[in-house]
Amino acid sequence: MEPQVAALKQKIEDTLCPFGFEVYPFQVAWYNALLPPTFHLPLPGPTLAFLVLSTPAMFDQALKPFLQSCHLQPLTDPVDQCVAYHLSRIRETLPELQMEVIADYEVHPNRRPKILAQTAAHVAGAAYYYQRQDVEADPWGTQHISGVCIHPRFGGWFAIRGVVLLPGTEVPDLQPTKPLDCVPARTDRITLLEGFNFHWRDWTYRDVITPQERYSEEQKAYFSTPPAQRLALLGLDQSSEKPSSASPDLLFTTLIPKKPQNPSRARDWLSPTVSPPESPGP
């Protein structure tokens, strides 16, 4: 890795990794090369960018402390606010650089995603993006099949949180890192994509490989709960800017699993010409 890139990566990792995040550098050109012009990032090809993802540890190391801090004002979406807070700290780490931070959920006014997160994760070498095109002679006929990223250490137990762009910082000699193909067998890829598309509620697609770490039961309960109901699940008073009088230690010990979100809204980067639905869970 180029010394300049390694130094910047280290600074960002020092800011984010203690809180359960991982950081991966890539060039804008690698990302744009896989997408039609409509989805290109409007920056020179050698522009440096970093993909940021959260590991299972983020829940305990970042979200819980964030909920007990003064940063959660007003209450909206705790996870998005927590991630935005930590991403904003990168600006403080690198104040001398131009920077644009794009969260994975951000869209343009026409609802087109600002970043195709799974494509970015693949080109950054963070996680392999398995799509229908990766299955030879697939069995799905006219069915729409969404793709899914698999992390080499965490399987499906992670979430892509955003991209940090550094306009004006160009690294033409940066060499790409290929993501690890940890699901090489056709039958396993079929199982993975069918699990993600048709049986996502049972979480089993995330175990397509044996992960080093999974979400805890309380974390699964939280992410299985529709966003509008999560504040109530945590015992937080939505009419107040501060947590309710309930003990912070109890916020995550009394979670009751509820129905996950509708998978038809899952973020789907398989076909960039189609507006992607929302993810069935981070």
Protein backbone atom coordinates (compact mmCIF):
# COMPACT_ATOMS: atom_id res chain seq x y z
CA MET A 1 0.00 0.00 0.00
CA GLU A 2 1.21 3.52 -0.82
CA PRO A 3 2.75 5.24 2.25
CA GLN A 4 0.34 8.17 1.94
CA VAL A 5 -2.66 5.84 1.85
CA ALA A 6 -1.34 3.73 4.71
CA ALA A 7 -0.85 6.83 6.86
CA LEU A 8 -4.36 8.14 6.17
CA LYS A 9 -5.89 4.71 6.73
CA GLN A 10 -4.10 4.43 10.07
CA LYS A 11 -5.43 7.79 11.24
CA ILE A 12 -9.00 6.87 10.28
CA GLU A 13 -8.65 3.44 11.89
CA ASP A 14 -7.37 5.02 15.09
CA THR A 15 -10.57 7.09 15.13
CA LEU A 16 -13.06 4.37 14.21
CA CYS A 17 -11.73 0.89 14.94
CA PRO A 18 -11.95 1.12 18.76
CA PHE A 19 -15.69 1.51 18.24
CA GLY A 20 -16.28 -1.59 16.12
CA PHE A 21 -15.69 -0.24 12.60
CA GLU A 22 -13.39 -1.34 9.78
CA VAL A 23 -11.84 0.85 7.05
CA TYR A 24 -10.81 -0.07 3.49
CA PRO A 25 -9.24 2.26 0.87
CA PHE A 26 -10.18 2.29 -2.81
CA GLN A 27 -9.98 4.47 -5.91
CA VAL A 28 -13.06 6.15 -7.35
CA ALA A 29 -12.07 4.72 -10.75
CA TRP A 30 -12.50 1.14 -9.50
CA TYR A 31 -16.03 1.91 -8.35
CA ASN A 32 -17.07 3.84 -11.46
CA ALA A 33 -15.73 1.10 -13.74
CA LEU A 34 -18.42 -1.31 -12.53
CA LEU A 35 -21.38 1.04 -12.93
CA PRO A 36 -23.24 2.96 -15.64
CA PRO A 37 -22.49 6.71 -15.83
CA THR A 38 -25.69 7.56 -13.97
CA PHE A 39 -24.19 6.13 -10.79
CA HIS A 40 -20.64 7.39 -11.18
CA LEU A 41 -19.03 9.45 -8.46
CA PRO A 42 -18.21 12.82 -10.12
CA LEU A 43 -14.54 12.82 -9.18
CA PRO A 44 -11.28 12.05 -11.01
CA GLY A 45 -10.54 8.33 -11.18
CA PRO A 46 -7.45 8.35 -8.93
CA THR A 47 -9.36 10.09 -6.11
CA LEU A 48 -8.89 8.26 -2.82
CA ALA A 49 -11.88 6.96 -0.88
CA PHE A 50 -12.43 4.79 2.16
CA LEU A 51 -15.25 2.34 2.77
CA VAL A 52 -16.44 2.09 6.39
CA LEU A 53 -18.32 -0.93 7.74
CA SER A 54 -19.50 -1.93 11.20
CA THR A 55 -18.72 -5.26 12.82
CA PRO A 56 -20.82 -7.01 15.48
CA ALA A 57 -18.75 -5.20 18.13
CA MET A 58 -20.14 -1.80 17.07
CA PHE A 59 -23.34 -2.41 19.02
CA ASP A 60 -21.54 -2.59 22.37
CA GLN A 61 -18.54 -0.39 21.63
CA ALA A 62 -20.28 2.49 19.83
CA LEU A 63 -24.08 2.39 20.05
CA LYS A 64 -24.54 1.70 23.76
CA PRO A 65 -22.11 4.42 24.89
CA PHE A 66 -23.65 6.79 22.35
CA LEU A 67 -27.14 6.23 23.78
CA GLN A 68 -25.85 7.13 27.23
CA SER A 69 -24.09 10.26 26.00
CA CYS A 70 -25.16 13.79 25.24
CA HIS A 71 -24.84 13.28 21.49
CA LEU A 72 -28.32 11.83 20.96
CA GLN A 73 -30.26 15.06 20.52
CA PRO A 74 -32.97 14.98 19.33
CA LEU A 75 -33.88 11.30 19.13
CA THR A 76 -34.47 10.07 15.57
CA ASP A 77 -32.63 6.92 14.43
CA PRO A 78 -30.06 5.94 17.08
CA VAL A 79 -27.87 3.78 14.83
CA ASP A 80 -27.74 6.30 11.99
CA GLN A 81 -27.00 9.10 14.47
CA CYS A 82 -24.31 7.05 16.16
CA VAL A 83 -22.61 6.19 12.87
CA ALA A 84 -22.89 9.79 11.65
CA TYR A 85 -21.28 11.01 14.86
CA HIS A 86 -18.33 8.66 14.50
CA LEU A 87 -17.90 9.41 10.80
CA SER A 88 -17.91 13.13 11.57
CA ARG A 89 -14.94 12.58 13.87
CA ILE A 90 -12.84 11.70 10.82
CA ARG A 91 -13.02 15.37 9.81
CA GLU A 92 -11.45 16.27 13.13
CA THR A 93 -8.72 13.68 12.54
CA LEU A 94 -7.87 15.02 9.07
CA PRO A 95 -8.82 18.73 9.17
CA GLU A 96 -6.32 19.61 6.47
CA LEU A 97 -8.09 17.53 3.79
CA GLN A 98 -11.16 18.11 1.68
CA MET A 99 -13.66 15.45 2.64
CA GLU A 100 -17.12 14.24 1.72
CA VAL A 101 -18.83 11.61 3.85
CA ILE A 102 -21.71 9.67 2.26
CA ALA A 103 -23.79 7.41 4.49
CA ASP A 104 -25.04 4.19 2.92
CA TYR A 105 -28.69 5.32 3.11
CA GLU A 106 -28.29 8.75 1.49
CA VAL A 107 -30.17 9.44 -1.74
CA HIS A 108 -30.44 12.23 -4.30
CA PRO A 109 -33.71 14.18 -4.63
CA ASN A 110 -34.82 11.70 -7.32
CA ARG A 111 -34.28 8.86 -4.78
CA ARG A 112 -31.25 7.50 -6.60
CA PRO A 113 -28.68 6.28 -4.05
CA LYS A 114 -25.65 8.51 -3.63
CA ILE A 115 -23.48 5.43 -3.19
CA LEU A 116 -24.04 1.81 -4.13
CA ALA A 117 -22.68 0.45 -0.90
CA GLN A 118 -22.21 -3.18 -1.82
CA THR A 119 -20.37 -2.30 -5.03
CA ALA A 120 -18.07 -0.05 -3.00
CA ALA A 121 -17.46 -2.84 -0.47
CA HIS A 122 -16.51 -5.22 -3.26
CA VAL A 123 -14.06 -2.90 -5.04
CA ALA A 124 -12.48 -1.95 -1.70
CA GLY A 125 -11.82 -5.62 -0.99
CA ALA A 126 -13.91 -5.51 2.19
CA ALA A 127 -16.56 -8.08 1.30
CA TYR A 128 -17.42 -10.15 -1.76
CA TYR A 129 -20.60 -8.99 -3.47
CA TYR A 130 -22.43 -12.13 -4.62
CA GLN A 131 -24.95 -11.52 -7.39
CA ARG A 132 -27.09 -13.61 -9.65
CA GLN A 133 -24.47 -13.30 -12.37
CA ASP A 134 -22.08 -15.24 -10.09
CA VAL A 135 -24.23 -18.38 -10.37
CA GLU A 136 -23.76 -20.33 -13.56
CA ALA A 137 -27.05 -21.50 -15.09
CA ASP A 138 -29.04 -20.08 -12.18
CA PRO A 139 -32.39 -21.69 -11.31
CA TRP A 140 -34.55 -18.58 -10.77
CA GLY A 141 -36.10 -17.94 -14.16
CA THR A 142 -37.83 -14.53 -14.23
CA GLN A 143 -37.57 -13.96 -10.47
CA HIS A 144 -35.72 -10.88 -9.30
CA ILE A 145 -32.76 -11.89 -7.14
CA SER A 146 -30.99 -9.32 -4.99
CA GLY A 147 -27.27 -9.59 -4.35
CA VAL A 148 -25.58 -9.64 -0.95
CA CYS A 149 -22.08 -9.02 0.41
CA ILE A 150 -20.30 -11.58 2.58
CA HIS A 151 -17.42 -10.60 4.84
CA PRO A 152 -14.52 -13.09 5.04
CA ARG A 153 -14.51 -13.03 8.87
CA PHE A 154 -18.05 -12.06 9.81
CA GLY A 155 -20.07 -13.68 7.02
CA GLY A 156 -23.30 -11.69 6.85
CA TRP A 157 -22.98 -10.34 10.39
CA PHE A 158 -21.85 -6.81 9.50
CA ALA A 159 -23.19 -3.66 7.86
CA ILE A 160 -21.78 -1.23 5.30
CA ARG A 161 -22.08 2.22 6.83
CA GLY A 162 -20.70 4.66 4.30
CA VAL A 163 -17.89 6.03 2.18
CA VAL A 164 -15.40 8.79 2.90
CA LEU A 165 -14.29 10.62 -0.26
CA LEU A 166 -11.16 12.78 -0.32
CA PRO A 167 -11.51 15.18 -3.29
CA GLY A 168 -8.11 16.54 -4.18
CA THR A 169 -6.27 13.52 -2.79
CA GLU A 170 -5.28 11.37 -5.75
CA VAL A 171 -3.33 8.10 -5.59
CA PRO A 172 -2.82 6.85 -9.17
CA ASP A 173 -0.50 4.01 -8.10
CA LEU A 174 -2.86 2.43 -5.56
CA GLN A 175 -3.29 -1.26 -6.34
CA PRO A 176 -6.70 -2.89 -5.87
CA THR A 177 -7.29 -5.60 -3.31
CA LYS A 178 -9.66 -8.31 -4.47
CA PRO A 179 -12.31 -9.37 -1.96
CA LEU A 180 -11.96 -12.92 -0.68
CA ASP A 181 -14.31 -15.29 -2.50
CA CYS A 182 -15.40 -17.18 0.59
CA VAL A 183 -18.44 -18.81 -1.09
CA PRO A 184 -16.84 -20.33 -4.22
CA ALA A 185 -19.20 -23.29 -4.75
CA ARG A 186 -22.23 -22.84 -7.01
CA THR A 187 -24.55 -24.72 -4.65
CA ASP A 188 -23.47 -22.56 -1.71
CA ARG A 189 -24.01 -19.39 -3.73
CA ILE A 190 -27.51 -20.56 -4.59
CA THR A 191 -28.19 -21.28 -0.92
CA LEU A 192 -26.85 -17.85 0.04
CA LEU A 193 -28.89 -15.87 -2.48
CA GLU A 194 -32.06 -17.85 -1.81
CA GLY A 195 -31.59 -17.41 1.91
CA PHE A 196 -31.08 -13.68 1.55
CA ASN A 197 -33.99 -13.18 -0.84
CA PHE A 198 -36.59 -15.61 0.50
CA HIS A 199 -35.72 -16.51 4.10
CA TRP A 200 -33.95 -13.43 5.45
CA ARG A 201 -36.10 -13.40 8.61
CA ASP A 202 -34.33 -16.43 10.05
CA TRP A 203 -30.85 -14.82 9.76
CA THR A 204 -29.34 -18.08 8.45
CA TYR A 205 -27.97 -16.63 5.19
CA ARG A 206 -25.50 -14.71 7.37
CA ASP A 207 -23.97 -18.05 8.39
CA VAL A 208 -23.11 -19.12 4.84
CA ILE A 209 -19.58 -19.28 6.23
CA THR A 210 -18.69 -19.86 9.88
CA PRO A 211 -18.23 -16.33 11.25
CA GLN A 212 -15.71 -15.32 13.88
CA GLU A 213 -18.45 -13.34 15.59
CA ARG A 214 -22.22 -12.92 15.28
CA TYR A 215 -24.71 -10.34 16.48
CA SER A 216 -25.81 -10.91 20.06
CA GLU A 217 -29.44 -11.83 20.72
CA GLU A 218 -30.20 -8.30 21.92
CA GLN A 219 -28.58 -6.88 18.79
CA LYS A 220 -30.66 -9.20 16.61
CA ALA A 221 -33.77 -8.12 18.49
CA TYR A 222 -32.93 -4.47 17.91
CA PHE A 223 -32.26 -4.77 14.20
CA SER A 224 -35.32 -7.00 13.72
CA THR A 225 -37.52 -4.23 15.08
CA PRO A 226 -38.91 -1.65 12.60
CA PRO A 227 -37.07 1.67 12.99
CA ALA A 228 -40.21 3.49 14.16
CA GLN A 229 -40.49 1.10 17.11
CA ARG A 230 -36.83 1.02 18.17
CA LEU A 231 -36.92 3.96 20.56
CA ALA A 232 -39.79 2.38 22.46
CA LEU A 233 -37.93 -0.93 22.46
CA LEU A 234 -34.96 0.78 24.11
CA GLY A 235 -37.17 2.39 26.73
CA LEU A 236 -36.32 5.87 25.50
CA ASP A 237 -38.78 8.74 25.79
CA GLN A 238 -39.35 10.00 22.24
CA SER A 239 -40.80 13.29 23.51
CA SER A 240 -37.56 14.12 25.32
CA GLU A 241 -34.06 14.89 24.13
CA LYS A 242 -32.64 12.72 26.88
CA PRO A 243 -33.05 9.03 27.72
CA SER A 244 -35.87 8.16 30.08
CA SER A 245 -35.22 7.52 33.74
CA ALA A 246 -34.81 3.82 33.04
CA SER A 247 -31.36 2.54 33.97
CA PRO A 248 -29.03 2.56 30.92
CA ASP A 249 -27.92 -0.92 31.94
CA LEU A 250 -31.46 -2.14 31.36
CA LEU A 251 -31.91 -0.63 27.91
CA PHE A 252 -30.34 -3.64 26.21
CA THR A 253 -31.23 -6.43 28.63
CA THR A 254 -34.99 -6.42 28.15
CA LEU A 255 -35.25 -6.46 24.38
CA ILE A 256 -38.04 -8.61 22.98
CA PRO A 257 -37.62 -9.74 19.35
CA LYS A 258 -40.22 -8.37 16.97
CA LYS A 259 -40.92 -8.80 13.28
CA PRO A 260 -38.12 -7.62 10.98
CA GLN A 261 -38.65 -5.06 8.26
CA ASN A 262 -40.18 -5.88 4.93
CA PRO A 263 -37.53 -7.43 2.68
CA SER A 264 -39.16 -5.96 -0.41
CA ARG A 265 -37.52 -2.68 0.61
CA ALA A 266 -34.04 -4.22 0.93
CA ARG A 267 -31.16 -2.24 -0.60
CA ASP A 268 -30.42 -4.02 -3.84
CA TRP A 269 -27.36 -3.08 -5.86
CA LEU A 270 -27.80 -5.97 -8.29
CA SER A 271 -29.54 -3.85 -10.90
CA PRO A 272 -28.54 -0.17 -10.61
CA THR A 273 -31.33 0.82 -12.99
CA VAL A 274 -33.89 -0.26 -10.40
CA SER A 275 -34.48 1.80 -7.28
CA PRO A 276 -33.04 -0.37 -4.52
CA PRO A 277 -35.35 -1.46 -1.66
CA GLU A 278 -34.36 -1.13 2.03
CA SER A 279 -32.23 -3.73 3.77
CA PRO A 280 -33.94 -6.41 5.87
CA GLY A 281 -31.49 -5.53 8.63
CA PRO A 282 -27.95 -4.20 9.04
